[in-house]
Every structure is written in C-alpha cells, then in structure tokens.
C-alpha cells in the first residue's frame, strides 16, 4: 500500500497526469485491495458465526 501511494504521489508531484499511467497504477492497487477486502469479509463472517 505505501509503495503504491508513494508512486501515486510522485506522479502527482511531477504533474504528469497521464491517464494510461494512472489506470495502470489504479489497476495494480485495486487487485490487492479487492483480495484484502474479501479476506476481511470472510474473517468477519466467520467471527459472526462464532
């Protein structure tokens, strides 16, 4: 997470708001976020069952 946000900030600071680059960054950030979200949902549902 920290690495991706630092890359995002560096792109912002450079002023290079290239949409293709932004999409690549967002796609790279999105995949782990979705898996983490699924893990959290699974964990919370298991806790509710207990």
N, C-alpha and C. Protein backbone atom coordinates (compact mmCIF):
# COMPACT_ATOMS: atom_id res chain seq x y z
N UNK A 1 0.83 -1.21 0.00
CA UNK A 1 0.00 0.00 0.00
C UNK A 1 0.86 1.26 0.00
N UNK A 2 1.84 1.33 0.89
CA UNK A 2 2.69 2.52 1.00
C UNK A 2 3.46 2.76 -0.29
N UNK A 3 3.95 1.68 -0.89
CA UNK A 3 4.73 1.82 -2.12
C UNK A 3 3.87 2.40 -3.24
N UNK A 4 2.64 1.88 -3.38
CA UNK A 4 1.75 2.35 -4.44
C UNK A 4 1.34 3.80 -4.23
N UNK A 5 1.10 4.17 -2.96
CA UNK A 5 0.70 5.55 -2.69
C UNK A 5 1.85 6.51 -2.94
N UNK A 6 3.08 6.08 -2.65
CA UNK A 6 4.25 6.94 -2.90
C UNK A 6 4.44 7.15 -4.40
N UNK A 7 4.21 6.10 -5.18
CA UNK A 7 4.29 6.21 -6.64
C UNK A 7 3.22 7.18 -7.13
N UNK A 8 2.02 7.03 -6.58
CA UNK A 8 0.89 7.89 -6.94
C UNK A 8 1.22 9.35 -6.64
N UNK A 9 1.82 9.61 -5.46
CA UNK A 9 2.18 10.97 -5.06
C UNK A 9 3.27 11.54 -5.96
N UNK A 10 4.24 10.70 -6.33
CA UNK A 10 5.33 11.17 -7.19
C UNK A 10 4.80 11.56 -8.56
N UNK A 11 3.83 10.78 -9.06
CA UNK A 11 3.20 11.11 -10.35
C UNK A 11 2.47 12.44 -10.24
N UNK A 12 1.79 12.63 -9.11
CA UNK A 12 1.04 13.86 -8.87
C UNK A 12 1.98 15.05 -8.80
N UNK A 13 3.10 14.90 -8.08
CA UNK A 13 4.06 16.00 -7.92
C UNK A 13 4.68 16.39 -9.25
N UNK A 14 4.98 15.39 -10.08
CA UNK A 14 5.57 15.69 -11.39
C UNK A 14 4.57 16.39 -12.31
N UNK A 15 3.30 16.27 -11.98
CA UNK A 15 2.28 16.90 -12.81
C UNK A 15 1.98 16.09 -14.06
N UNK A 16 2.51 14.87 -14.11
CA UNK A 16 2.28 14.01 -15.27
C UNK A 16 1.03 13.18 -15.10
N UNK A 17 -0.11 13.85 -15.22
CA UNK A 17 -1.38 13.13 -15.06
C UNK A 17 -1.73 12.40 -16.35
N UNK A 18 -0.87 11.43 -16.71
CA UNK A 18 -1.14 10.61 -17.89
C UNK A 18 -2.18 9.56 -17.50
N UNK A 19 -3.31 9.57 -18.20
CA UNK A 19 -4.41 8.67 -17.85
C UNK A 19 -4.00 7.20 -17.93
N UNK A 20 -3.18 6.86 -18.91
CA UNK A 20 -2.74 5.47 -19.06
C UNK A 20 -1.94 5.03 -17.84
N UNK A 21 -1.05 5.92 -17.38
CA UNK A 21 -0.23 5.61 -16.20
C UNK A 21 -1.12 5.49 -14.97
N UNK A 22 -2.06 6.42 -14.83
CA UNK A 22 -2.98 6.40 -13.69
C UNK A 22 -3.79 5.11 -13.67
N UNK A 23 -4.25 4.69 -14.85
CA UNK A 23 -5.05 3.46 -14.92
C UNK A 23 -4.22 2.26 -14.51
N UNK A 24 -2.96 2.24 -14.95
CA UNK A 24 -2.07 1.13 -14.57
C UNK A 24 -1.89 1.08 -13.06
N UNK A 25 -1.66 2.25 -12.46
CA UNK A 25 -1.47 2.33 -11.01
C UNK A 25 -2.75 1.88 -10.30
N UNK A 26 -3.89 2.38 -10.76
CA UNK A 26 -5.16 2.04 -10.13
C UNK A 26 -5.44 0.54 -10.22
N UNK A 27 -5.13 -0.06 -11.38
CA UNK A 27 -5.34 -1.49 -11.55
C UNK A 27 -4.44 -2.29 -10.62
N UNK A 28 -3.20 -1.84 -10.45
CA UNK A 28 -2.27 -2.53 -9.56
C UNK A 28 -2.71 -2.40 -8.11
N UNK A 29 -3.27 -1.26 -7.76
CA UNK A 29 -3.73 -1.03 -6.39
C UNK A 29 -5.03 -1.80 -6.13
N UNK A 30 -5.90 -1.84 -7.16
CA UNK A 30 -7.23 -2.41 -7.00
C UNK A 30 -7.20 -3.90 -6.69
N UNK A 31 -6.36 -4.65 -7.39
CA UNK A 31 -6.35 -6.11 -7.23
C UNK A 31 -6.06 -6.54 -5.79
N UNK A 32 -4.95 -6.06 -5.18
CA UNK A 32 -4.70 -6.44 -3.79
C UNK A 32 -5.78 -5.92 -2.84
N UNK A 33 -6.33 -4.75 -3.12
CA UNK A 33 -7.36 -4.19 -2.26
C UNK A 33 -8.59 -5.09 -2.25
N UNK A 34 -8.97 -5.60 -3.43
CA UNK A 34 -10.14 -6.48 -3.53
C UNK A 34 -9.91 -7.76 -2.76
N UNK A 35 -8.70 -8.34 -2.89
CA UNK A 35 -8.40 -9.59 -2.17
C UNK A 35 -8.39 -9.36 -0.66
N UNK A 36 -7.85 -8.22 -0.23
CA UNK A 36 -7.83 -7.87 1.20
C UNK A 36 -9.26 -7.70 1.70
N UNK A 37 -10.09 -7.04 0.89
CA UNK A 37 -11.49 -6.81 1.25
C UNK A 37 -12.22 -8.14 1.40
N UNK A 38 -11.96 -9.08 0.46
CA UNK A 38 -12.59 -10.40 0.54
C UNK A 38 -12.15 -11.13 1.80
N UNK A 39 -10.85 -11.03 2.13
CA UNK A 39 -10.34 -11.68 3.34
C UNK A 39 -11.01 -11.11 4.59
N UNK A 40 -11.20 -9.79 4.60
CA UNK A 40 -11.85 -9.13 5.74
C UNK A 40 -13.29 -9.60 5.85
N UNK A 41 -13.99 -9.69 4.71
CA UNK A 41 -15.38 -10.16 4.71
C UNK A 41 -15.46 -11.59 5.22
N UNK A 42 -14.55 -12.45 4.74
CA UNK A 42 -14.52 -13.85 5.19
C UNK A 42 -14.26 -13.93 6.68
N UNK A 43 -13.30 -13.14 7.15
CA UNK A 43 -12.97 -13.13 8.57
C UNK A 43 -14.13 -12.66 9.43
N UNK A 44 -14.81 -11.60 8.98
CA UNK A 44 -15.92 -11.05 9.76
C UNK A 44 -17.10 -12.02 9.77
N UNK A 45 -17.35 -12.71 8.66
CA UNK A 45 -18.46 -13.66 8.61
C UNK A 45 -18.18 -14.86 9.52
N UNK A 46 -16.90 -15.28 9.58
CA UNK A 46 -16.53 -16.39 10.47
C UNK A 46 -16.68 -15.97 11.93
N UNK A 47 -16.34 -14.73 12.23
CA UNK A 47 -16.48 -14.23 13.60
C UNK A 47 -17.95 -14.17 14.00
N UNK A 48 -18.81 -13.79 13.05
CA UNK A 48 -20.24 -13.71 13.34
C UNK A 48 -20.82 -15.09 13.62
N UNK A 49 -20.32 -16.12 12.91
CA UNK A 49 -20.80 -17.49 13.13
C UNK A 49 -20.46 -17.97 14.53
N UNK A 50 -19.27 -17.57 15.03
CA UNK A 50 -18.86 -17.96 16.37
C UNK A 50 -19.75 -17.26 17.40
